[in-house]
Amino acid sequence: MKQVTILALVAAAFAALALSAPASAQAGIKQLAKQECRADRAEDPGEFASRWGGSGGKAIKRCARDERREARRDCREDRREEPREFATEYGGVGGKAIKRCMRDELR
């Protein structure tokens, strides 16, 4: 009985960790973009509101989407211009390497 209880507690702990972790790498990238946009909003609220059409959640989403697009564009350009250096730095030239690059761009 004691072992069953311990196993149940361990399983519950792993389930909690799995639920708290981002669902994918893309979720982490979105979060980084939102953090950057929130920092931009805090730095200059007037400019942020004029550029993104407000200061609420929808403006943050528009800003974050644009930040992700810009990071993806920059990473693809880097990969196209210097494929060997890109592969060395990000561990390949595929989609996961692009996501690693995007995380670096957004930080």
N, C-alpha and C. Protein backbone atom coordinates (compact mmCIF):
# COMPACT_ATOMS: atom_id res chain seq x y z
N MET A 1 0.82 -1.19 0.00
CA MET A 1 0.00 0.00 0.00
C MET A 1 0.87 1.26 0.00
N LYS A 2 1.96 1.19 0.74
CA LYS A 2 2.86 2.33 0.83
C LYS A 2 3.48 2.63 -0.53
N GLN A 3 3.84 1.57 -1.26
CA GLN A 3 4.46 1.76 -2.58
C GLN A 3 3.48 2.37 -3.57
N VAL A 4 2.21 1.99 -3.49
CA VAL A 4 1.19 2.53 -4.38
C VAL A 4 1.02 4.02 -4.12
N THR A 5 1.02 4.42 -2.87
CA THR A 5 0.90 5.82 -2.51
C THR A 5 2.09 6.62 -3.03
N ILE A 6 3.27 6.08 -2.86
CA ILE A 6 4.48 6.76 -3.34
C ILE A 6 4.44 6.89 -4.86
N LEU A 7 4.06 5.82 -5.54
CA LEU A 7 3.96 5.88 -7.00
C LEU A 7 2.93 6.90 -7.45
N ALA A 8 1.83 6.99 -6.75
CA ALA A 8 0.79 7.96 -7.09
C ALA A 8 1.31 9.39 -6.91
N LEU A 9 2.04 9.62 -5.84
CA LEU A 9 2.60 10.95 -5.60
C LEU A 9 3.64 11.32 -6.66
N VAL A 10 4.48 10.37 -7.02
CA VAL A 10 5.49 10.62 -8.06
C VAL A 10 4.81 10.91 -9.39
N ALA A 11 3.78 10.13 -9.72
CA ALA A 11 3.05 10.35 -10.97
C ALA A 11 2.38 11.72 -10.98
N ALA A 12 1.82 12.13 -9.84
CA ALA A 12 1.19 13.45 -9.76
C ALA A 12 2.22 14.56 -9.92
N ALA A 13 3.40 14.37 -9.35
CA ALA A 13 4.45 15.38 -9.49
C ALA A 13 4.89 15.51 -10.94
N PHE A 14 5.06 14.38 -11.62
CA PHE A 14 5.44 14.44 -13.04
C PHE A 14 4.34 15.07 -13.88
N ALA A 15 3.10 14.80 -13.57
CA ALA A 15 1.99 15.39 -14.31
C ALA A 15 1.97 16.90 -14.12
N ALA A 16 2.23 17.36 -12.91
CA ALA A 16 2.26 18.79 -12.65
C ALA A 16 3.40 19.46 -13.41
N LEU A 17 4.55 18.81 -13.47
CA LEU A 17 5.67 19.36 -14.23
C LEU A 17 5.35 19.42 -15.72
N ALA A 18 4.71 18.39 -16.22
CA ALA A 18 4.38 18.35 -17.64
C ALA A 18 3.38 19.44 -18.00
N LEU A 19 2.44 19.72 -17.12
CA LEU A 19 1.44 20.75 -17.40
C LEU A 19 2.02 22.15 -17.28
N SER A 20 3.01 22.33 -16.43
CA SER A 20 3.57 23.66 -16.25
C SER A 20 4.59 24.01 -17.33
N ALA A 21 5.16 23.02 -18.00
CA ALA A 21 6.14 23.27 -19.05
C ALA A 21 5.43 23.74 -20.32
N PRO A 22 6.09 24.55 -21.15
CA PRO A 22 5.47 24.97 -22.41
C PRO A 22 5.15 23.77 -23.28
N ALA A 23 4.06 23.87 -24.02
CA ALA A 23 3.61 22.77 -24.87
C ALA A 23 4.60 22.50 -25.98
N SER A 24 5.29 23.52 -26.43
CA SER A 24 6.25 23.33 -27.51
C SER A 24 7.28 24.43 -27.45
N ALA A 25 8.25 24.33 -28.33
CA ALA A 25 9.25 25.38 -28.42
C ALA A 25 8.61 26.68 -28.88
N GLN A 26 7.59 26.56 -29.72
CA GLN A 26 6.90 27.74 -30.23
C GLN A 26 6.26 28.52 -29.10
N ALA A 27 5.74 27.82 -28.08
CA ALA A 27 5.13 28.51 -26.94
C ALA A 27 6.17 29.36 -26.22
N GLY A 28 7.39 28.86 -26.09
CA GLY A 28 8.45 29.64 -25.46
C GLY A 28 8.83 30.86 -26.28
N ILE A 29 8.81 30.72 -27.59
CA ILE A 29 9.12 31.84 -28.47
C ILE A 29 8.04 32.91 -28.36
N LYS A 30 6.78 32.49 -28.31
CA LYS A 30 5.69 33.45 -28.15
C LYS A 30 5.83 34.21 -26.84
N GLN A 31 6.18 33.50 -25.79
CA GLN A 31 6.32 34.13 -24.48
C GLN A 31 7.46 35.16 -24.50
N LEU A 32 8.56 34.82 -25.12
CA LEU A 32 9.67 35.78 -25.22
C LEU A 32 9.26 37.02 -25.99
N ALA A 33 8.51 36.83 -27.08
CA ALA A 33 8.06 37.98 -27.87
C ALA A 33 7.12 38.86 -27.06
N LYS A 34 6.22 38.25 -26.31
CA LYS A 34 5.31 39.02 -25.47
C LYS A 34 6.07 39.80 -24.40
N GLN A 35 7.07 39.18 -23.81
CA GLN A 35 7.87 39.87 -22.79
C GLN A 35 8.56 41.09 -23.39
N GLU A 36 9.09 40.93 -24.59
CA GLU A 36 9.75 42.06 -25.24
C GLU A 36 8.75 43.19 -25.52
N CYS A 37 7.56 42.82 -25.96
CA CYS A 37 6.54 43.84 -26.24
C CYS A 37 6.08 44.54 -24.97
N ARG A 38 5.95 43.79 -23.89
CA ARG A 38 5.57 44.42 -22.62
C ARG A 38 6.64 45.39 -22.16
N ALA A 39 7.89 45.04 -22.38
CA ALA A 39 8.98 45.95 -22.01
C ALA A 39 8.93 47.21 -22.88
N ASP A 40 8.64 47.04 -24.17
CA ASP A 40 8.50 48.21 -25.06
C ASP A 40 7.36 49.10 -24.60
N ARG A 41 6.25 48.49 -24.21
CA ARG A 41 5.08 49.25 -23.75
C ARG A 41 5.42 50.02 -22.48
N ALA A 42 6.16 49.40 -21.57
CA ALA A 42 6.52 50.07 -20.32
C ALA A 42 7.51 51.21 -20.57
N GLU A 43 8.38 51.03 -21.55
CA GLU A 43 9.40 52.04 -21.85
C GLU A 43 8.79 53.31 -22.44
N ASP A 44 7.87 53.17 -23.40
CA ASP A 44 7.26 54.33 -24.04
C ASP A 44 5.82 54.01 -24.41
N PRO A 45 4.89 54.20 -23.48
CA PRO A 45 3.50 53.82 -23.72
C PRO A 45 2.85 54.56 -24.89
N GLY A 46 3.17 55.82 -25.07
CA GLY A 46 2.57 56.60 -26.15
C GLY A 46 2.95 56.08 -27.52
N GLU A 47 4.23 55.83 -27.71
CA GLU A 47 4.69 55.31 -29.00
C GLU A 47 4.14 53.91 -29.25
N PHE A 48 4.11 53.09 -28.20
CA PHE A 48 3.58 51.74 -28.34
C PHE A 48 2.11 51.78 -28.77
N ALA A 49 1.33 52.64 -28.12
CA ALA A 49 -0.09 52.73 -28.44
C ALA A 49 -0.32 53.24 -29.86
N SER A 50 0.48 54.20 -30.29
CA SER A 50 0.29 54.72 -31.65
C SER A 50 0.71 53.70 -32.70
N ARG A 51 1.72 52.91 -32.41
CA ARG A 51 2.19 51.93 -33.39
C ARG A 51 1.30 50.69 -33.45
N TRP A 52 0.82 50.23 -32.30
CA TRP A 52 0.08 48.96 -32.26
C TRP A 52 -1.41 49.13 -32.01
N GLY A 53 -1.89 50.35 -31.95
CA GLY A 53 -3.33 50.57 -31.83
C GLY A 53 -3.89 50.32 -30.45
N GLY A 54 -3.23 50.79 -29.45
CA GLY A 54 -3.71 50.63 -28.08
C GLY A 54 -2.61 50.11 -27.18
N SER A 55 -3.02 49.75 -25.97
CA SER A 55 -2.02 49.23 -25.04
C SER A 55 -2.49 47.94 -24.37
N GLY A 56 -3.60 47.40 -24.84
CA GLY A 56 -4.16 46.20 -24.23
C GLY A 56 -3.60 44.92 -24.80
N GLY A 57 -4.33 43.85 -24.55
CA GLY A 57 -3.90 42.52 -24.95
C GLY A 57 -3.78 42.34 -26.46
N LYS A 58 -4.72 42.92 -27.21
CA LYS A 58 -4.66 42.78 -28.67
C LYS A 58 -3.43 43.48 -29.24
N ALA A 59 -3.08 44.62 -28.68
CA ALA A 59 -1.88 45.33 -29.14
C ALA A 59 -0.63 44.51 -28.83
N ILE A 60 -0.60 43.88 -27.67
CA ILE A 60 0.54 43.02 -27.31
C ILE A 60 0.63 41.86 -28.30
N LYS A 61 -0.52 41.26 -28.65
CA LYS A 61 -0.51 40.15 -29.61
C LYS A 61 -0.01 40.59 -30.98
N ARG A 62 -0.46 41.77 -31.42
CA ARG A 62 0.01 42.27 -32.72
C ARG A 62 1.52 42.51 -32.70
N CYS A 63 1.98 43.11 -31.62
CA CYS A 63 3.41 43.38 -31.48
C CYS A 63 4.20 42.07 -31.43
N ALA A 64 3.72 41.10 -30.65
CA ALA A 64 4.44 39.82 -30.51
C ALA A 64 4.49 39.09 -31.84
N ARG A 65 3.39 39.12 -32.59
CA ARG A 65 3.37 38.46 -33.90
C ARG A 65 4.41 39.10 -34.82
N ASP A 66 4.48 40.42 -34.79
CA ASP A 66 5.46 41.12 -35.63
C ASP A 66 6.89 40.82 -35.19
N GLU A 67 7.11 40.75 -33.88
CA GLU A 67 8.45 40.42 -33.37
C GLU A 67 8.88 39.03 -33.81
N ARG A 68 7.95 38.06 -33.74
CA ARG A 68 8.27 36.70 -34.18
C ARG A 68 8.57 36.65 -35.67
N ARG A 69 7.77 37.36 -36.45
CA ARG A 69 8.00 37.38 -37.90
C ARG A 69 9.37 37.98 -38.23
N GLU A 70 9.69 39.06 -37.55
CA GLU A 70 10.98 39.71 -37.78
C GLU A 70 12.14 38.80 -37.38
N ALA A 71 12.01 38.12 -36.26
CA ALA A 71 13.06 37.20 -35.81
C ALA A 71 13.22 36.05 -36.80
N ARG A 72 12.10 35.50 -37.28
CA ARG A 72 12.15 34.40 -38.24
C ARG A 72 12.80 34.87 -39.55
N ARG A 73 12.43 36.06 -39.98
CA ARG A 73 13.00 36.61 -41.22
C ARG A 73 14.51 36.81 -41.07
N ASP A 74 14.94 37.35 -39.94
CA ASP A 74 16.37 37.56 -39.70
C ASP A 74 17.13 36.24 -39.67
N CYS A 75 16.54 35.23 -39.03
CA CYS A 75 17.22 33.93 -38.93
C CYS A 75 17.31 33.25 -40.28
N ARG A 76 16.26 33.33 -41.06
CA ARG A 76 16.31 32.73 -42.40
C ARG A 76 17.34 33.43 -43.27
N GLU A 77 17.43 34.74 -43.12
CA GLU A 77 18.44 35.49 -43.87
C GLU A 77 19.85 35.09 -43.45
N ASP A 78 20.06 34.96 -42.14
CA ASP A 78 21.37 34.51 -41.64
C ASP A 78 21.72 33.13 -42.18
N ARG A 79 20.73 32.23 -42.18
CA ARG A 79 20.96 30.87 -42.67
C ARG A 79 21.29 30.88 -44.16
N ARG A 80 20.63 31.75 -44.91
CA ARG A 80 20.86 31.83 -46.35
C ARG A 80 22.24 32.43 -46.66
N GLU A 81 22.65 33.44 -45.90
CA GLU A 81 23.91 34.12 -46.17
C GLU A 81 25.12 33.32 -45.70
N GLU A 82 25.04 32.71 -44.52
CA GLU A 82 26.18 32.00 -43.94
C GLU A 82 25.73 30.65 -43.38
N PRO A 83 25.46 29.67 -44.25
CA PRO A 83 24.91 28.39 -43.78
C PRO A 83 25.84 27.62 -42.84
N ARG A 84 27.14 27.67 -43.07
CA ARG A 84 28.06 26.92 -42.20
C ARG A 84 28.12 27.50 -40.80
N GLU A 85 28.22 28.80 -40.70
CA GLU A 85 28.26 29.44 -39.38
C GLU A 85 26.93 29.23 -38.66
N PHE A 86 25.83 29.33 -39.41
CA PHE A 86 24.51 29.12 -38.82
C PHE A 86 24.40 27.70 -38.27
N ALA A 87 24.82 26.72 -39.06
CA ALA A 87 24.74 25.32 -38.64
C ALA A 87 25.62 25.06 -37.42
N THR A 88 26.78 25.69 -37.38
CA THR A 88 27.68 25.52 -36.24
C THR A 88 27.07 26.12 -34.97
N GLU A 89 26.50 27.30 -35.11
CA GLU A 89 25.96 27.99 -33.94
C GLU A 89 24.66 27.38 -33.42
N TYR A 90 23.77 26.95 -34.33
CA TYR A 90 22.44 26.50 -33.93
C TYR A 90 22.21 25.00 -34.12
N GLY A 91 23.23 24.26 -34.50
CA GLY A 91 23.11 22.81 -34.56
C GLY A 91 22.35 22.28 -35.75
N GLY A 92 22.50 22.88 -36.89
CA GLY A 92 21.84 22.41 -38.10
C GLY A 92 21.27 23.56 -38.90
N VAL A 93 20.47 23.20 -39.90
CA VAL A 93 19.85 24.24 -40.72
C VAL A 93 18.34 24.03 -40.83
N GLY A 94 17.78 23.10 -40.07
CA GLY A 94 16.36 22.79 -40.14
C GLY A 94 15.51 23.70 -39.27
N GLY A 95 14.28 23.26 -39.06
CA GLY A 95 13.31 24.05 -38.30
C GLY A 95 13.70 24.27 -36.85
N LYS A 96 14.29 23.27 -36.22
CA LYS A 96 14.69 23.43 -34.82
C LYS A 96 15.81 24.45 -34.68
N ALA A 97 16.69 24.48 -35.66
CA ALA A 97 17.77 25.47 -35.63
C ALA A 97 17.20 26.88 -35.79
N ILE A 98 16.19 27.02 -36.65
CA ILE A 98 15.53 28.32 -36.82
C ILE A 98 14.90 28.74 -35.49
N LYS A 99 14.26 27.82 -34.80
CA LYS A 99 13.63 28.16 -33.52
C LYS A 99 14.67 28.56 -32.48
N ARG A 100 15.81 27.87 -32.46
CA ARG A 100 16.89 28.26 -31.54
C ARG A 100 17.38 29.67 -31.86
N CYS A 101 17.52 29.94 -33.14
CA CYS A 101 17.95 31.27 -33.58
C CYS A 101 16.92 32.32 -33.17
N MET A 102 15.64 32.00 -33.36
CA MET A 102 14.59 32.95 -33.00
C MET A 102 14.63 33.27 -31.51
N ARG A 103 14.86 32.25 -30.68
CA ARG A 103 14.97 32.49 -29.24
C ARG A 103 16.11 33.45 -28.95
N ASP A 104 17.25 33.25 -29.62
CA ASP A 104 18.38 34.14 -29.41
C ASP A 104 18.06 35.56 -29.89
N GLU A 105 17.37 35.68 -31.00
CA GLU A 105 17.01 37.00 -31.53
C GLU A 105 16.07 37.74 -30.57
N LEU A 106 15.16 37.01 -29.95
CA LEU A 106 14.17 37.65 -29.09
C LEU A 106 14.70 37.96 -27.69
N ARG A 107 15.81 37.36 -27.31
CA ARG A 107 16.36 37.63 -25.98
C ARG A 107 17.16 38.89 -25.97
